[in-house]
Amino acid sequence: MRPKRNPFNNPAVEAVFNNYPADIRAQLLDLRQLVFDAAAATTGVGEIEETLRWGEPSYLTTQSKSGSIVRMHWKPADGDSYRLYFHCQTNLVATFRELYPTELRYDGNRSIAISRREPIPVDALRHCVMLALTYRSSRKARNRANQ
């Protein structure tokens, strides 16, 4: 039995999910719920906006402005992997590499690649998502502390 999932409020996002192959869709829906659960469990994040950016499901902290965008997607060219994307002009993926050097696979400075043949590394990904959803507020706090 799968855990309860947040309903779609954006039909365009739901349509993108419905177009993924069944196994990828199931894993991306689990990853989507992980994003919502991480946001709910993280102080200061608030409600998440789910939308499309570049045709990909995207999650923003529009209400609190506490974080950086998180996107997810699979393309046929990606083969056996789907990806969780982060803004490439942040140090998020570099931070993830330091925290999880062997637990996660990375593509450059913008994404984590997840194999469709393996279980989602829930704990590591939840932590990475929490860091992304608080990126701006954490950065502001660090800047204040350094002044």
C-alpha atoms as a PDB file:
ATOM      1  CA  MET A   1       0.000   0.000   0.000  1.00  0.00           C
ATOM      2  CA  ARG A   2       1.398   3.372  -1.032  1.00  0.00           C
ATOM      3  CA  PRO A   3       1.314   6.301   1.373  1.00  0.00           C
ATOM      4  CA  LYS A   4      -1.294   9.008   0.863  1.00  0.00           C
ATOM      5  CA  ARG A   5      -0.240  11.428  -1.875  1.00  0.00           C
ATOM      6  CA  ASN A   6      -0.896  15.126  -2.186  1.00  0.00           C
ATOM      7  CA  PRO A   7      -3.550  15.740  -4.853  1.00  0.00           C
ATOM      8  CA  PHE A   8      -2.641  17.633  -7.995  1.00  0.00           C
ATOM      9  CA  ASN A   9      -3.811  21.248  -8.074  1.00  0.00           C
ATOM     10  CA  ASN A  10      -2.254  21.933 -11.467  1.00  0.00           C
ATOM     11  CA  PRO A  11      -3.704  19.886 -14.374  1.00  0.00           C
ATOM     12  CA  ALA A  12      -0.664  20.630 -16.562  1.00  0.00           C
ATOM     13  CA  VAL A  13       1.669  19.069 -13.982  1.00  0.00           C
ATOM     14  CA  GLU A  14      -0.622  16.055 -13.623  1.00  0.00           C
ATOM     15  CA  ALA A  15      -0.587  15.623 -17.408  1.00  0.00           C
ATOM     16  CA  VAL A  16       3.226  15.498 -17.434  1.00  0.00           C
ATOM     17  CA  PHE A  17       3.183  12.779 -14.767  1.00  0.00           C
ATOM     18  CA  ASN A  18       0.544  10.840 -16.707  1.00  0.00           C
ATOM     19  CA  ASN A  19       2.820  10.801 -19.771  1.00  0.00           C
ATOM     20  CA  TYR A  20       5.734   9.054 -18.023  1.00  0.00           C
ATOM     21  CA  PRO A  21       6.141   5.279 -18.415  1.00  0.00           C
ATOM     22  CA  ALA A  22       4.301   3.490 -15.581  1.00  0.00           C
ATOM     23  CA  ASP A  23       7.406   2.491 -13.569  1.00  0.00           C
ATOM     24  CA  ILE A  24       8.970   5.950 -13.882  1.00  0.00           C
ATOM     25  CA  ARG A  25       5.648   7.610 -13.031  1.00  0.00           C
ATOM     26  CA  ALA A  26       5.361   5.558  -9.815  1.00  0.00           C
ATOM     27  CA  GLN A  27       8.885   6.497  -8.744  1.00  0.00           C
ATOM     28  CA  LEU A  28       8.468  10.164  -9.655  1.00  0.00           C
ATOM     29  CA  LEU A  29       5.174  10.277  -7.752  1.00  0.00           C
ATOM     30  CA  ASP A  30       7.025   8.890  -4.712  1.00  0.00           C
ATOM     31  CA  LEU A  31       9.710  11.541  -5.211  1.00  0.00           C
ATOM     32  CA  ARG A  32       7.018  14.221  -5.575  1.00  0.00           C
ATOM     33  CA  GLN A  33       5.513  13.155  -2.262  1.00  0.00           C
ATOM     34  CA  LEU A  34       8.965  13.216  -0.680  1.00  0.00           C
ATOM     35  CA  VAL A  35       9.225  16.905  -1.698  1.00  0.00           C
ATOM     36  CA  PHE A  36       5.851  17.740  -0.141  1.00  0.00           C
ATOM     37  CA  ASP A  37       6.669  15.770   3.015  1.00  0.00           C
ATOM     38  CA  ALA A  38      10.092  17.401   3.349  1.00  0.00           C
ATOM     39  CA  ALA A  39       8.511  20.843   2.973  1.00  0.00           C
ATOM     40  CA  ALA A  40       5.883  20.063   5.606  1.00  0.00           C
ATOM     41  CA  ALA A  41       8.559  18.809   8.021  1.00  0.00           C
ATOM     42  CA  THR A  42      10.900  21.782   7.565  1.00  0.00           C
ATOM     43  CA  THR A  43      10.382  24.893   9.645  1.00  0.00           C
ATOM     44  CA  GLY A  44      10.025  28.087   7.638  1.00  0.00           C
ATOM     45  CA  VAL A  45       9.301  26.530   4.244  1.00  0.00           C
ATOM     46  CA  GLY A  46       5.535  26.856   4.189  1.00  0.00           C
ATOM     47  CA  GLU A  47       3.329  25.785   1.328  1.00  0.00           C
ATOM     48  CA  ILE A  48       4.984  24.541  -1.857  1.00  0.00           C
ATOM     49  CA  GLU A  49       3.884  25.729  -5.288  1.00  0.00           C
ATOM     50  CA  GLU A  50       3.830  22.950  -7.879  1.00  0.00           C
ATOM     51  CA  THR A  51       4.155  24.180 -11.443  1.00  0.00           C
ATOM     52  CA  LEU A  52       5.979  23.476 -14.704  1.00  0.00           C
ATOM     53  CA  ARG A  53       9.306  25.040 -15.561  1.00  0.00           C
ATOM     54  CA  TRP A  54      10.864  24.053 -18.866  1.00  0.00           C
ATOM     55  CA  GLY A  55       8.040  21.506 -19.128  1.00  0.00           C
ATOM     56  CA  GLU A  56       9.211  19.744 -15.959  1.00  0.00           C
ATOM     57  CA  PRO A  57       7.423  19.373 -12.611  1.00  0.00           C
ATOM     58  CA  SER A  58       8.882  22.071 -10.378  1.00  0.00           C
ATOM     59  CA  TYR A  59       8.520  22.938  -6.709  1.00  0.00           C
ATOM     60  CA  LEU A  60       8.972  26.444  -5.360  1.00  0.00           C
ATOM     61  CA  THR A  61       8.780  28.098  -1.968  1.00  0.00           C
ATOM     62  CA  THR A  62       6.682  30.949  -3.353  1.00  0.00           C
ATOM     63  CA  GLN A  63       5.012  31.750  -0.033  1.00  0.00           C
ATOM     64  CA  SER A  64       8.094  31.859   2.219  1.00  0.00           C
ATOM     65  CA  LYS A  65      10.767  32.472  -0.448  1.00  0.00           C
ATOM     66  CA  SER A  66      12.994  30.304   1.761  1.00  0.00           C
ATOM     67  CA  GLY A  67      14.465  28.075  -0.904  1.00  0.00           C
ATOM     68  CA  SER A  68      15.646  27.337  -4.373  1.00  0.00           C
ATOM     69  CA  ILE A  69      13.624  25.600  -7.073  1.00  0.00           C
ATOM     70  CA  VAL A  70      13.563  21.796  -7.152  1.00  0.00           C
ATOM     71  CA  ARG A  71      12.598  20.075 -10.417  1.00  0.00           C
ATOM     72  CA  MET A  72      12.218  16.447 -11.441  1.00  0.00           C
ATOM     73  CA  HIS A  73      11.950  14.810 -14.818  1.00  0.00           C
ATOM     74  CA  TRP A  74      12.641  11.811 -17.015  1.00  0.00           C
ATOM     75  CA  LYS A  75      13.324  11.895 -20.748  1.00  0.00           C
ATOM     76  CA  PRO A  76      13.706   8.900 -23.061  1.00  0.00           C
ATOM     77  CA  ALA A  77      17.327   9.938 -23.640  1.00  0.00           C
ATOM     78  CA  ASP A  78      17.929   9.477 -19.886  1.00  0.00           C
ATOM     79  CA  GLY A  79      17.305   5.742 -20.259  1.00  0.00           C
ATOM     80  CA  ASP A  80      17.340   4.071 -16.866  1.00  0.00           C
ATOM     81  CA  SER A  81      17.610   7.230 -14.779  1.00  0.00           C
ATOM     82  CA  TYR A  82      15.339  10.069 -13.830  1.00  0.00           C
ATOM     83  CA  ARG A  83      16.663  13.240 -12.272  1.00  0.00           C
ATOM     84  CA  LEU A  84      16.131  15.650  -9.439  1.00  0.00           C
ATOM     85  CA  TYR A  85      17.371  19.074 -10.598  1.00  0.00           C
ATOM     86  CA  PHE A  86      18.627  22.048  -8.580  1.00  0.00           C
ATOM     87  CA  HIS A  87      19.586  25.564  -9.630  1.00  0.00           C
ATOM     88  CA  CYS A  88      23.067  25.299 -11.147  1.00  0.00           C
ATOM     89  CA  GLN A  89      24.191  28.691  -9.809  1.00  0.00           C
ATOM     90  CA  THR A  90      23.899  27.515  -6.214  1.00  0.00           C
ATOM     91  CA  ASN A  91      26.321  25.364  -4.266  1.00  0.00           C
ATOM     92  CA  LEU A  92      23.602  22.820  -3.507  1.00  0.00           C
ATOM     93  CA  VAL A  93      24.906  19.896  -5.565  1.00  0.00           C
ATOM     94  CA  ALA A  94      28.462  20.538  -4.310  1.00  0.00           C
ATOM     95  CA  THR A  95      27.081  20.382  -0.762  1.00  0.00           C
ATOM     96  CA  PHE A  96      25.232  17.150  -1.548  1.00  0.00           C
ATOM     97  CA  ARG A  97      28.458  15.644  -2.936  1.00  0.00           C
ATOM     98  CA  GLU A  98      30.223  16.422   0.342  1.00  0.00           C
ATOM     99  CA  LEU A  99      27.400  14.968   2.433  1.00  0.00           C
ATOM    100  CA  TYR A 100      26.631  11.934   0.252  1.00  0.00           C
ATOM    101  CA  PRO A 101      29.718  11.136  -1.862  1.00  0.00           C
ATOM    102  CA  THR A 102      28.806   7.492  -2.494  1.00  0.00           C
ATOM    103  CA  GLU A 103      25.088   7.282  -1.674  1.00  0.00           C
ATOM    104  CA  LEU A 104      23.951   9.431  -4.609  1.00  0.00           C
ATOM    105  CA  ARG A 105      24.913   9.819  -8.301  1.00  0.00           C
ATOM    106  CA  TYR A 106      25.391  13.323  -9.661  1.00  0.00           C
ATOM    107  CA  ASP A 107      25.299  14.959 -13.095  1.00  0.00           C
ATOM    108  CA  GLY A 108      27.525  18.006 -13.033  1.00  0.00           C
ATOM    109  CA  ASN A 109      26.429  20.798 -10.698  1.00  0.00           C
ATOM    110  CA  ARG A 110      22.718  20.594 -11.404  1.00  0.00           C
ATOM    111  CA  SER A 111      21.197  17.180 -10.720  1.00  0.00           C
ATOM    112  CA  ILE A 112      21.034  13.913  -8.863  1.00  0.00           C
ATOM    113  CA  ALA A 113      20.435  10.889 -11.104  1.00  0.00           C
ATOM    114  CA  ILE A 114      18.300   8.089  -9.689  1.00  0.00           C
ATOM    115  CA  SER A 115      18.177   4.661 -11.310  1.00  0.00           C
ATOM    116  CA  ARG A 116      14.727   3.379 -12.143  1.00  0.00           C
ATOM    117  CA  ARG A 117      15.984  -0.099 -11.194  1.00  0.00           C
ATOM    118  CA  GLU A 118      16.900   0.817  -7.621  1.00  0.00           C
ATOM    119  CA  PRO A 119      14.874   2.010  -4.654  1.00  0.00           C
ATOM    120  CA  ILE A 120      14.792   5.750  -4.034  1.00  0.00           C
ATOM    121  CA  PRO A 121      17.488   6.689  -1.472  1.00  0.00           C
ATOM    122  CA  VAL A 122      14.816   8.328   0.680  1.00  0.00           C
ATOM    123  CA  ASP A 123      16.836   9.621   3.636  1.00  0.00           C
ATOM    124  CA  ALA A 124      19.595  11.214   1.556  1.00  0.00           C
ATOM    125  CA  LEU A 125      17.157  12.733  -0.948  1.00  0.00           C
ATOM    126  CA  ARG A 126      14.880  14.066   1.795  1.00  0.00           C
ATOM    127  CA  HIS A 127      17.869  15.841   3.349  1.00  0.00           C
ATOM    128  CA  CYS A 128      18.948  17.258  -0.028  1.00  0.00           C
ATOM    129  CA  VAL A 129      15.425  18.531  -0.716  1.00  0.00           C
ATOM    130  CA  MET A 130      15.238  20.113   2.744  1.00  0.00           C
ATOM    131  CA  LEU A 131      18.541  21.904   2.069  1.00  0.00           C
ATOM    132  CA  ALA A 132      17.221  23.171  -1.276  1.00  0.00           C
ATOM    133  CA  LEU A 133      13.921  24.333   0.220  1.00  0.00           C
ATOM    134  CA  THR A 134      15.799  26.371   2.850  1.00  0.00           C
ATOM    135  CA  TYR A 135      18.703  27.499   0.651  1.00  0.00           C
ATOM    136  CA  ARG A 136      17.866  31.214   0.633  1.00  0.00           C
ATOM    137  CA  SER A 137      16.912  31.476   4.305  1.00  0.00           C
ATOM    138  CA  SER A 138      20.022  29.520   5.356  1.00  0.00           C
ATOM    139  CA  ARG A 139      22.223  31.699   3.155  1.00  0.00           C
ATOM    140  CA  LYS A 140      20.741  34.879   4.643  1.00  0.00           C
ATOM    141  CA  ALA A 141      21.317  33.529   8.151  1.00  0.00           C
ATOM    142  CA  ARG A 142      24.968  32.710   7.300  1.00  0.00           C
ATOM    143  CA  ASN A 143      25.463  36.196   5.831  1.00  0.00           C
ATOM    144  CA  ARG A 144      24.054  37.836   8.976  1.00  0.00           C
ATOM    145  CA  ALA A 145      26.310  35.700  11.157  1.00  0.00           C
ATOM    146  CA  ASN A 146      29.387  36.722   9.138  1.00  0.00           C
ATOM    147  CA  GLN A 147      28.679  40.455   9.451  1.00  0.00           C
END
